[in-house]
Amino acid sequence: MKSLTYDEFVGFLGKWVTQEYKKIPLECYQQVEIEAKFGRINSKSNSTEFKESKKIIVLNNDYHMIPRISKFDFDRLRNKYINTKFNKLKKSSTKNSNNLSLSDYSVSTSLPAPLDKGRLRLNNETAKLDSLIHKEKISNILLSIPNSTYGCKISFNLEIELPKAVYINTDLDKCYRRHKLGNRISMPRSKNTLELFKVCTENRAGKTFENYEVEIELCSKNIATLIKQENNKDLEKEIRKFSNDFLEIKNTCKLKSKK
């Protein structure tokens, strides 16, 4: 495990992001998704030593995170970012979407691995299939944040849109389904995107499970451009904004959370 002050963490995250970009071909830069999800951290050995630290800790493989928050914190975040004057000021933003209703289906295709599985998205308003996305996980880091109810998992992924011919005749009744209802907005002081979703997962037996998720998506197009230009100064500024965004989420949830 690695303990870092806030400034050390910004430097660490910038180097990590740059390192992950260097692993992929230049033509894939526009397909990168970098996101921070929040949830409770568990340890295979039931260790809780990280909770005592006053620094940000990069956890090792002994730990894992369940990406969900309590309804209490979900409502608290909605009240702060959605049900406020701030939301009205952002109406012109192309990233600002309210009352999103989407269904994701886990789909198997006839394509060779790793493109043989994907996430098929149905727009519940139009009942049309929007896209089939294969998400390829490249790397992730798991963080313990001081004075926080939740940990944070930052993932570096490739999102590859598959051709329509692959999914147009998919039988959705045979697929694993997740229904997502929520909001997607731009954060106040950055171009990063905050997503708040109530997620209903339905298995093949028809049983439904309800959870609440929050994530922040880094504006990857800006980052890709800065890395191509080797503009480390502005890259650090964007990484710092991203770090500030998820620490702001942490501060909103830092009071004792109700389950």
Protein backbone atom coordinates (compact mmCIF):
# COMPACT_ATOMS: atom_id res chain seq x y z
CA MET A 1 0.00 0.00 0.00
CA LYS A 2 1.13 3.55 -0.73
CA SER A 3 0.24 6.57 1.48
CA LEU A 4 0.07 9.96 -0.25
CA THR A 5 -0.66 13.55 0.65
CA TYR A 6 -3.13 15.33 -1.64
CA ASP A 7 -0.39 16.98 -3.75
CA GLU A 8 1.54 13.70 -3.96
CA PHE A 9 -1.64 11.97 -5.08
CA VAL A 10 -2.24 14.49 -7.90
CA GLY A 11 1.28 13.77 -9.18
CA PHE A 12 0.79 10.01 -8.80
CA LEU A 13 -2.54 10.07 -10.66
CA GLY A 14 -1.10 12.17 -13.50
CA LYS A 15 1.77 9.69 -13.97
CA TRP A 16 -0.61 6.73 -13.80
CA VAL A 17 -2.97 8.19 -16.44
CA THR A 18 -0.04 9.04 -18.74
CA GLN A 19 1.41 5.54 -18.28
CA GLU A 20 -1.92 3.90 -19.22
CA TYR A 21 -2.29 6.05 -22.34
CA LYS A 22 1.21 5.02 -23.44
CA LYS A 23 0.11 1.36 -23.34
CA ILE A 24 -2.49 1.79 -26.11
CA PRO A 25 -2.19 2.77 -29.79
CA LEU A 26 -2.59 6.45 -30.65
CA GLU A 27 -5.70 5.72 -32.71
CA CYS A 28 -7.45 4.41 -29.57
CA TYR A 29 -7.02 7.61 -27.53
CA GLN A 30 -10.53 8.85 -28.35
CA GLN A 31 -12.04 5.59 -27.06
CA VAL A 32 -10.62 5.99 -23.55
CA GLU A 33 -12.96 6.28 -20.56
CA ILE A 34 -11.53 7.27 -17.16
CA GLU A 35 -14.03 7.11 -14.33
CA ALA A 36 -14.11 7.25 -10.54
CA LYS A 37 -16.73 5.15 -8.76
CA PHE A 38 -17.56 5.17 -5.06
CA GLY A 39 -18.42 2.38 -2.66
CA ARG A 40 -17.51 0.54 0.51
CA ILE A 41 -14.10 -1.13 0.68
CA ASN A 42 -13.69 -4.68 1.92
CA SER A 43 -10.59 -6.74 2.58
CA LYS A 44 -10.05 -10.46 1.97
CA SER A 45 -8.27 -10.59 5.34
CA ASN A 46 -10.82 -8.26 7.05
CA SER A 47 -8.05 -5.70 7.59
CA THR A 48 -9.19 -2.19 8.55
CA GLU A 49 -5.79 -0.56 9.12
CA PHE A 50 -6.25 1.77 6.14
CA LYS A 51 -9.21 3.46 7.88
CA GLU A 52 -6.91 5.02 10.47
CA SER A 53 -4.73 6.87 7.95
CA LYS A 54 -4.97 10.63 7.45
CA LYS A 55 -3.57 10.28 3.92
CA ILE A 56 -4.94 8.93 0.64
CA ILE A 57 -3.92 5.28 0.40
CA VAL A 58 -3.48 3.33 -2.84
CA LEU A 59 -4.67 -0.13 -1.79
CA ASN A 60 -3.27 -3.45 -2.96
CA ASN A 61 -5.07 -6.51 -4.37
CA ASP A 62 -6.13 -7.66 -0.90
CA TYR A 63 -8.93 -5.11 -1.09
CA HIS A 64 -11.97 -4.71 -3.29
CA MET A 65 -14.88 -2.28 -3.57
CA ILE A 66 -18.60 -2.72 -4.14
CA PRO A 67 -19.58 0.25 -6.37
CA ARG A 68 -22.70 1.48 -4.62
CA ILE A 69 -23.69 4.08 -2.04
CA SER A 70 -26.59 4.35 0.42
CA LYS A 71 -29.93 5.86 -0.61
CA PHE A 72 -29.34 8.50 2.09
CA ASP A 73 -26.10 9.67 0.41
CA PHE A 74 -27.62 9.34 -3.05
CA ASP A 75 -30.44 11.71 -2.05
CA ARG A 76 -27.92 14.03 -0.41
CA LEU A 77 -25.92 14.26 -3.64
CA ARG A 78 -29.06 14.77 -5.73
CA ASN A 79 -30.14 17.61 -3.46
CA LYS A 80 -26.75 19.26 -3.83
CA TYR A 81 -26.23 18.91 -7.57
CA ILE A 82 -29.65 18.35 -9.15
CA ASN A 83 -32.33 20.02 -7.03
CA THR A 84 -30.53 23.37 -6.83
CA LYS A 85 -30.14 26.60 -8.77
CA PHE A 86 -26.87 25.20 -10.13
CA ASN A 87 -28.80 22.73 -12.25
CA LYS A 88 -30.83 25.54 -13.84
CA LEU A 89 -27.64 27.42 -14.73
CA LYS A 90 -26.32 24.43 -16.67
CA LYS A 91 -29.28 23.99 -19.03
CA SER A 92 -27.15 24.99 -22.03
CA SER A 93 -24.62 22.24 -21.35
CA THR A 94 -24.78 19.35 -23.80
CA LYS A 95 -23.80 17.02 -20.96
CA ASN A 96 -26.70 18.04 -18.76
CA SER A 97 -29.44 15.40 -18.91
CA ASN A 98 -32.20 14.91 -16.40
CA ASN A 99 -34.48 11.95 -15.73
CA LEU A 100 -32.42 9.61 -17.90
CA SER A 101 -34.09 6.26 -18.40
CA LEU A 102 -31.78 3.65 -19.90
CA SER A 103 -31.64 -0.12 -19.98
CA ASP A 104 -28.35 -1.97 -20.35
CA TYR A 105 -28.29 -5.58 -21.50
CA SER A 106 -25.33 -7.93 -21.27
CA VAL A 107 -24.99 -9.36 -24.78
CA SER A 108 -22.89 -12.18 -26.24
CA THR A 109 -22.01 -11.86 -29.93
CA SER A 110 -20.45 -14.02 -32.61
CA LEU A 111 -17.37 -11.76 -32.77
CA PRO A 112 -13.97 -13.12 -31.65
CA ALA A 113 -12.71 -12.33 -28.14
CA PRO A 114 -12.38 -9.82 -26.59
CA LEU A 115 -15.28 -8.29 -28.58
CA ASP A 116 -17.57 -11.28 -27.99
CA LYS A 117 -19.34 -9.54 -25.10
CA GLY A 118 -20.80 -6.07 -24.85
CA ARG A 119 -23.32 -3.71 -23.24
CA LEU A 120 -26.38 -3.07 -25.37
CA ARG A 121 -28.19 0.16 -24.52
CA LEU A 122 -31.91 0.66 -25.02
CA ASN A 123 -33.41 4.14 -24.82
CA ASN A 124 -36.59 3.57 -22.82
CA GLU A 125 -38.14 6.80 -24.13
CA THR A 126 -37.93 5.78 -27.80
CA ALA A 127 -37.72 1.98 -27.27
CA LYS A 128 -34.83 2.01 -29.77
CA LEU A 129 -31.49 0.28 -29.44
CA ASP A 130 -28.88 3.05 -29.22
CA SER A 131 -25.58 1.24 -29.33
CA LEU A 132 -23.57 -1.85 -28.45
CA ILE A 133 -20.46 -0.98 -26.46
CA HIS A 134 -17.65 -3.34 -25.55
CA LYS A 135 -15.78 -2.07 -22.49
CA GLU A 136 -12.24 -3.36 -22.26
CA LYS A 137 -10.72 -2.84 -18.82
CA ILE A 138 -7.08 -1.75 -19.05
CA SER A 139 -6.22 -0.87 -15.44
CA ASN A 140 -7.63 0.49 -12.18
CA ILE A 141 -6.52 1.80 -8.79
CA LEU A 142 -8.41 1.51 -5.53
CA LEU A 143 -8.19 4.34 -3.01
CA SER A 144 -8.95 4.81 0.64
CA ILE A 145 -9.80 8.46 1.29
CA PRO A 146 -9.37 9.87 4.83
CA ASN A 147 -12.52 10.85 6.77
CA SER A 148 -14.73 9.23 4.17
CA THR A 149 -17.61 6.78 4.31
CA TYR A 150 -16.56 5.40 0.94
CA GLY A 151 -13.52 4.40 -1.02
CA CYS A 152 -12.92 5.28 -4.65
CA LYS A 153 -12.02 3.09 -7.63
CA ILE A 154 -10.53 4.88 -10.64
CA SER A 155 -10.67 2.84 -13.85
CA PHE A 156 -8.96 3.29 -17.20
CA ASN A 157 -11.03 1.57 -19.92
CA LEU A 158 -11.49 1.43 -23.67
CA GLU A 159 -15.04 1.73 -24.95
CA ILE A 160 -15.40 0.21 -28.41
CA GLU A 161 -18.68 0.70 -30.29
CA LEU A 162 -19.59 -2.44 -32.22
CA PRO A 163 -21.38 -2.42 -35.60
CA LYS A 164 -25.18 -2.36 -35.67
CA ALA A 165 -25.31 -5.61 -37.63
CA VAL A 166 -23.94 -7.43 -34.58
CA TYR A 167 -26.90 -6.60 -32.33
CA ILE A 168 -29.88 -5.62 -34.47
CA ASN A 169 -31.59 -9.02 -34.09
CA THR A 170 -30.74 -9.55 -30.39
CA ASP A 171 -33.44 -11.24 -28.32
CA LEU A 172 -33.51 -8.95 -25.26
CA ASP A 173 -35.63 -11.41 -23.26
CA LYS A 174 -32.61 -13.72 -23.06
CA CYS A 175 -30.24 -11.03 -21.77
CA TYR A 176 -29.19 -9.94 -18.29
CA ARG A 177 -30.77 -6.51 -17.76
CA ARG A 178 -29.94 -3.36 -15.79
CA HIS A 179 -32.40 -0.48 -15.76
CA LYS A 180 -30.84 2.89 -14.90
CA LEU A 181 -32.82 5.97 -13.92
CA GLY A 182 -30.99 9.12 -12.94
CA ASN A 183 -29.05 12.21 -13.95
CA ARG A 184 -25.89 13.15 -15.79
CA ILE A 185 -24.51 16.67 -15.32
CA SER A 186 -21.31 18.66 -15.73
CA MET A 187 -19.45 19.40 -12.51
CA PRO A 188 -19.42 23.11 -11.48
CA ARG A 189 -15.70 23.81 -11.84
CA SER A 190 -14.63 21.33 -14.52
CA LYS A 191 -15.75 19.63 -17.72
CA ASN A 192 -16.00 16.30 -15.95
CA THR A 193 -19.33 14.49 -15.79
CA LEU A 194 -21.16 13.45 -12.62
CA GLU A 195 -23.55 10.53 -12.95
CA LEU A 196 -26.12 9.64 -10.29
CA PHE A 197 -28.13 6.51 -11.00
CA LYS A 198 -30.71 4.38 -9.29
CA VAL A 199 -30.02 0.94 -10.75
CA CYS A 200 -32.51 -1.90 -10.91
CA THR A 201 -30.87 -5.17 -11.94
CA GLU A 202 -33.14 -7.93 -13.16
CA ASN A 203 -31.82 -11.48 -13.48
CA ARG A 204 -33.11 -14.17 -15.82
CA ALA A 205 -35.45 -15.45 -13.10
CA GLY A 206 -37.18 -12.06 -13.04
CA LYS A 207 -35.91 -11.06 -9.58
CA THR A 208 -35.03 -7.38 -9.24
CA PHE A 209 -32.29 -5.82 -7.08
CA GLU A 210 -32.12 -2.06 -6.42
CA ASN A 211 -28.89 -0.10 -5.80
CA TYR A 212 -27.58 3.47 -5.99
CA GLU A 213 -24.44 4.45 -7.89
CA VAL A 214 -22.36 7.61 -8.29
CA GLU A 215 -19.41 8.15 -10.58
CA ILE A 216 -17.37 10.96 -12.07
CA GLU A 217 -16.08 10.61 -15.61
CA LEU A 218 -12.92 12.50 -16.51
CA CYS A 219 -13.12 14.53 -19.74
CA SER A 220 -10.82 12.12 -21.60
CA LYS A 221 -10.67 14.10 -24.86
CA ASN A 222 -8.89 16.95 -23.07
CA ILE A 223 -6.48 14.53 -21.39
CA ALA A 224 -5.68 12.71 -24.64
CA THR A 225 -4.85 16.00 -26.37
CA LEU A 226 -2.57 17.13 -23.53
CA ILE A 227 -0.73 13.81 -23.46
CA LYS A 228 -0.19 13.92 -27.22
CA GLN A 229 1.23 17.44 -26.81
CA GLU A 230 3.27 16.35 -23.74
CA ASN A 231 1.74 19.36 -21.98
CA ASN A 232 2.43 18.24 -18.40
CA LYS A 233 1.55 21.60 -16.84
CA ASP A 234 -2.02 21.68 -18.14
CA LEU A 235 -2.35 17.92 -17.61
CA GLU A 236 -1.65 18.45 -13.90
CA LYS A 237 -4.37 21.15 -13.81
CA GLU A 238 -6.95 18.76 -15.33
CA ILE A 239 -5.95 15.94 -12.97
CA ARG A 240 -6.22 18.33 -10.01
CA LYS A 241 -9.76 19.33 -11.10
CA PHE A 242 -10.69 15.64 -11.31
CA SER A 243 -9.21 14.99 -7.86
CA ASN A 244 -11.10 17.99 -6.46
CA ASP A 245 -14.33 16.66 -7.97
CA PHE A 246 -14.20 13.28 -6.26
CA LEU A 247 -13.00 14.82 -2.99
CA GLU A 248 -16.03 17.12 -3.18
CA ILE A 249 -18.21 14.02 -3.46
CA LYS A 250 -16.37 12.61 -0.44
CA ASN A 251 -17.01 15.77 1.58
CA THR A 252 -20.72 15.66 0.74
CA CYS A 253 -20.90 12.11 2.12
CA LYS A 254 -18.42 12.54 5.00
CA LEU A 255 -21.10 12.76 7.71
CA LYS A 256 -22.18 9.45 9.18
CA SER A 257 -24.08 7.69 6.44
CA LYS A 258 -27.35 5.89 6.97
CA LYS A 259 -27.56 2.45 5.40
